[in-house]
Amino acid sequence: MTYQPVVNDYVQWGDNKGWVYYVDAMGEYFTIEISVKDKPHCEYTKEHKHKKFHCCLICHAAYWDNVEYIGKRTSVYETEAPKVS
């Protein structure tokens, strides 16, 4: 069965695990956030609302059958991967 991406799902695609960060409205691709780090403080970013760098992979619809659903987070502020039992 082909995985249907939903924002805030935790998934594995090959060797990469991460949160579904964005799902294309046309259903052509979604992105998997595999890492996040803080932006450095400077005069240009001190008032900026986006304070983190997000590294995302693009997964096109042709590869969705290779994506494994692991879990879901209840808040966008959760950073820990869900526990697999």
N, C-alpha and C. Protein backbone atom coordinates (compact mmCIF):
# COMPACT_ATOMS: atom_id res chain seq x y z
N MET A 1 0.84 -1.19 0.00
CA MET A 1 0.00 0.00 0.00
C MET A 1 0.88 1.24 0.00
N THR A 2 0.55 2.21 -0.81
CA THR A 2 1.31 3.45 -0.90
C THR A 2 1.00 4.36 0.28
N TYR A 3 2.05 4.90 0.89
CA TYR A 3 1.90 5.82 2.01
C TYR A 3 1.29 7.13 1.52
N GLN A 4 0.33 7.67 2.26
CA GLN A 4 -0.26 8.98 1.98
C GLN A 4 0.26 9.95 3.03
N PRO A 5 1.12 10.89 2.63
CA PRO A 5 1.78 11.76 3.61
C PRO A 5 0.83 12.74 4.29
N VAL A 6 1.10 12.94 5.58
CA VAL A 6 0.36 13.91 6.39
C VAL A 6 1.40 14.67 7.21
N VAL A 7 1.29 16.00 7.24
CA VAL A 7 2.22 16.82 8.02
C VAL A 7 2.23 16.34 9.46
N ASN A 8 3.41 16.28 10.05
CA ASN A 8 3.69 15.85 11.42
C ASN A 8 3.76 14.34 11.60
N ASP A 9 3.69 13.57 10.51
CA ASP A 9 3.99 12.14 10.59
C ASP A 9 5.50 11.96 10.70
N TYR A 10 5.93 10.94 11.41
CA TYR A 10 7.35 10.58 11.45
C TYR A 10 7.51 9.37 10.54
N VAL A 11 8.42 9.48 9.57
CA VAL A 11 8.54 8.44 8.54
C VAL A 11 9.99 8.04 8.34
N GLN A 12 10.16 6.91 7.68
CA GLN A 12 11.48 6.46 7.26
C GLN A 12 11.43 6.22 5.76
N TRP A 13 12.43 6.76 5.07
CA TRP A 13 12.57 6.55 3.63
C TRP A 13 14.01 6.15 3.38
N GLY A 14 14.24 4.89 3.10
CA GLY A 14 15.60 4.38 2.97
C GLY A 14 16.29 4.48 4.32
N ASP A 15 17.47 5.10 4.34
CA ASP A 15 18.22 5.28 5.58
C ASP A 15 17.85 6.56 6.32
N ASN A 16 16.92 7.34 5.79
CA ASN A 16 16.57 8.64 6.36
C ASN A 16 15.27 8.57 7.14
N LYS A 17 15.29 9.16 8.33
CA LYS A 17 14.10 9.27 9.17
C LYS A 17 13.86 10.73 9.46
N GLY A 18 12.59 11.12 9.52
CA GLY A 18 12.28 12.49 9.87
C GLY A 18 10.79 12.77 9.83
N TRP A 19 10.47 14.05 10.10
CA TRP A 19 9.08 14.51 10.15
C TRP A 19 8.63 14.96 8.77
N VAL A 20 7.38 14.64 8.42
CA VAL A 20 6.80 15.19 7.19
C VAL A 20 6.59 16.67 7.47
N TYR A 21 7.26 17.51 6.69
CA TYR A 21 7.28 18.95 6.92
C TYR A 21 6.29 19.68 6.02
N TYR A 22 6.13 19.21 4.79
CA TYR A 22 5.25 19.87 3.82
C TYR A 22 4.71 18.81 2.86
N VAL A 23 3.43 18.96 2.49
CA VAL A 23 2.82 18.08 1.50
C VAL A 23 2.30 18.97 0.38
N ASP A 24 2.74 18.70 -0.85
CA ASP A 24 2.31 19.45 -2.02
C ASP A 24 0.81 19.27 -2.24
N ALA A 25 0.10 20.37 -2.47
CA ALA A 25 -1.36 20.32 -2.67
C ALA A 25 -1.75 19.51 -3.90
N MET A 26 -0.88 19.41 -4.88
CA MET A 26 -1.16 18.65 -6.10
C MET A 26 -0.86 17.16 -5.93
N GLY A 27 -0.28 16.78 -4.79
CA GLY A 27 0.02 15.38 -4.53
C GLY A 27 1.20 14.84 -5.31
N GLU A 28 2.12 15.73 -5.69
CA GLU A 28 3.28 15.30 -6.48
C GLU A 28 4.50 14.99 -5.62
N TYR A 29 4.60 15.61 -4.45
CA TYR A 29 5.76 15.38 -3.58
C TYR A 29 5.44 15.82 -2.16
N PHE A 30 6.29 15.40 -1.23
CA PHE A 30 6.27 15.95 0.12
C PHE A 30 7.71 16.05 0.59
N THR A 31 7.94 16.81 1.66
CA THR A 31 9.29 16.94 2.17
C THR A 31 9.39 16.28 3.54
N ILE A 32 10.58 15.73 3.81
CA ILE A 32 10.88 15.10 5.08
C ILE A 32 11.99 15.91 5.75
N GLU A 33 11.68 16.46 6.91
CA GLU A 33 12.65 17.24 7.67
C GLU A 33 13.58 16.28 8.40
N ILE A 34 14.87 16.27 8.01
CA ILE A 34 15.79 15.32 8.61
C ILE A 34 16.71 15.95 9.66
N SER A 35 16.80 17.29 9.66
CA SER A 35 17.57 17.96 10.72
C SER A 35 17.15 19.41 10.85
N VAL A 36 17.39 19.96 12.04
CA VAL A 36 17.08 21.35 12.35
C VAL A 36 18.21 21.90 13.20
N LYS A 37 18.62 23.14 12.91
CA LYS A 37 19.60 23.78 13.79
C LYS A 37 19.28 25.26 13.88
N ASP A 38 19.69 25.87 14.99
CA ASP A 38 19.43 27.28 15.22
C ASP A 38 20.24 28.15 14.26
N LYS A 39 19.63 29.27 13.84
CA LYS A 39 20.36 30.25 13.04
C LYS A 39 21.25 31.05 13.98
N PRO A 40 22.39 31.52 13.50
CA PRO A 40 23.25 32.34 14.35
C PRO A 40 22.57 33.68 14.63
N HIS A 41 22.86 34.24 15.79
CA HIS A 41 22.32 35.54 16.14
C HIS A 41 23.14 36.64 15.46
N CYS A 42 22.46 37.53 14.75
CA CYS A 42 23.13 38.67 14.14
C CYS A 42 22.09 39.76 13.96
N GLU A 43 22.53 40.91 13.47
CA GLU A 43 21.60 42.03 13.35
C GLU A 43 20.49 41.76 12.34
N TYR A 44 20.68 40.83 11.43
CA TYR A 44 19.67 40.56 10.41
C TYR A 44 18.64 39.52 10.87
N THR A 45 19.00 38.67 11.80
CA THR A 45 18.07 37.61 12.22
C THR A 45 17.48 37.84 13.61
N LYS A 46 17.91 38.87 14.32
CA LYS A 46 17.43 39.04 15.69
C LYS A 46 15.92 39.29 15.77
N GLU A 47 15.32 39.93 14.77
CA GLU A 47 13.89 40.17 14.76
C GLU A 47 13.15 39.22 13.82
N HIS A 48 13.86 38.35 13.19
CA HIS A 48 13.28 37.45 12.20
C HIS A 48 12.48 36.36 12.88
N LYS A 49 11.27 36.07 12.35
CA LYS A 49 10.44 35.06 13.00
C LYS A 49 10.91 33.64 12.74
N HIS A 50 11.68 33.42 11.69
CA HIS A 50 12.21 32.09 11.38
C HIS A 50 13.61 31.98 11.97
N LYS A 51 13.74 31.25 13.05
CA LYS A 51 15.00 31.21 13.78
C LYS A 51 15.76 29.91 13.62
N LYS A 52 15.34 29.06 12.69
CA LYS A 52 16.01 27.77 12.52
C LYS A 52 16.25 27.46 11.05
N PHE A 53 17.29 26.68 10.79
CA PHE A 53 17.53 26.11 9.47
C PHE A 53 16.90 24.72 9.47
N HIS A 54 16.16 24.40 8.42
CA HIS A 54 15.54 23.09 8.28
C HIS A 54 16.13 22.40 7.06
N CYS A 55 16.67 21.21 7.25
CA CYS A 55 17.19 20.42 6.13
C CYS A 55 16.13 19.39 5.77
N CYS A 56 15.63 19.47 4.53
CA CYS A 56 14.53 18.60 4.11
C CYS A 56 14.89 17.83 2.84
N LEU A 57 14.37 16.61 2.76
CA LEU A 57 14.47 15.81 1.54
C LEU A 57 13.14 15.90 0.80
N ILE A 58 13.20 15.89 -0.52
CA ILE A 58 11.98 15.86 -1.32
C ILE A 58 11.73 14.42 -1.73
N CYS A 59 10.51 13.96 -1.47
CA CYS A 59 10.11 12.61 -1.86
C CYS A 59 8.97 12.72 -2.87
N HIS A 60 9.25 12.39 -4.12
CA HIS A 60 8.24 12.45 -5.18
C HIS A 60 7.28 11.27 -5.07
N ALA A 61 6.09 11.44 -5.59
CA ALA A 61 5.01 10.46 -5.45
C ALA A 61 5.40 9.06 -5.94
N ALA A 62 6.28 8.98 -6.90
CA ALA A 62 6.70 7.67 -7.43
C ALA A 62 7.41 6.83 -6.37
N TYR A 63 7.92 7.46 -5.30
CA TYR A 63 8.67 6.75 -4.26
C TYR A 63 7.88 6.56 -2.97
N TRP A 64 6.63 6.99 -2.94
CA TRP A 64 5.86 6.91 -1.70
C TRP A 64 5.66 5.49 -1.21
N ASP A 65 5.70 4.50 -2.10
CA ASP A 65 5.55 3.12 -1.66
C ASP A 65 6.79 2.62 -0.92
N ASN A 66 7.89 3.39 -0.95
CA ASN A 66 9.11 3.05 -0.21
C ASN A 66 9.17 3.74 1.15
N VAL A 67 8.18 4.55 1.48
CA VAL A 67 8.15 5.30 2.74
C VAL A 67 7.39 4.51 3.79
N GLU A 68 7.99 4.41 4.97
CA GLU A 68 7.37 3.68 6.08
C GLU A 68 6.91 4.66 7.16
N TYR A 69 5.64 4.59 7.51
CA TYR A 69 5.08 5.40 8.59
C TYR A 69 5.56 4.83 9.93
N ILE A 70 6.05 5.69 10.82
CA ILE A 70 6.52 5.25 12.13
C ILE A 70 5.62 5.76 13.24
N GLY A 71 5.21 7.01 13.16
CA GLY A 71 4.37 7.58 14.21
C GLY A 71 3.96 8.99 13.86
N LYS A 72 3.34 9.68 14.82
CA LYS A 72 2.85 11.03 14.62
C LYS A 72 3.14 11.85 15.86
N ARG A 73 3.32 13.16 15.67
CA ARG A 73 3.48 14.03 16.82
C ARG A 73 2.20 14.84 17.01
N THR A 74 1.95 15.22 18.25
CA THR A 74 0.72 15.96 18.55
C THR A 74 0.93 17.46 18.46
N SER A 75 2.19 17.90 18.44
CA SER A 75 2.50 19.32 18.38
C SER A 75 3.72 19.54 17.49
N VAL A 76 3.75 20.64 16.78
CA VAL A 76 4.91 20.95 15.94
C VAL A 76 6.15 21.23 16.77
N TYR A 77 5.99 21.40 18.07
CA TYR A 77 7.12 21.69 18.96
C TYR A 77 7.80 20.42 19.47
N GLU A 78 7.21 19.27 19.22
CA GLU A 78 7.86 18.02 19.61
C GLU A 78 9.05 17.80 18.70
N THR A 79 10.16 17.37 19.27
CA THR A 79 11.36 17.13 18.48
C THR A 79 11.84 15.68 18.58
N GLU A 80 11.38 14.97 19.60
CA GLU A 80 11.80 13.59 19.78
C GLU A 80 11.03 12.67 18.84
N ALA A 81 11.72 11.69 18.28
CA ALA A 81 11.07 10.70 17.42
C ALA A 81 10.13 9.85 18.27
N PRO A 82 9.02 9.41 17.71
CA PRO A 82 8.11 8.56 18.48
C PRO A 82 8.75 7.23 18.83
N LYS A 83 8.36 6.69 19.96
CA LYS A 83 8.88 5.40 20.40
C LYS A 83 8.24 4.29 19.59
N VAL A 84 9.05 3.38 19.09
CA VAL A 84 8.55 2.24 18.33
C VAL A 84 8.50 1.04 19.25
N SER A 85 7.33 0.42 19.35
CA SER A 85 7.21 -0.71 20.27
C SER A 85 7.29 -2.03 19.54
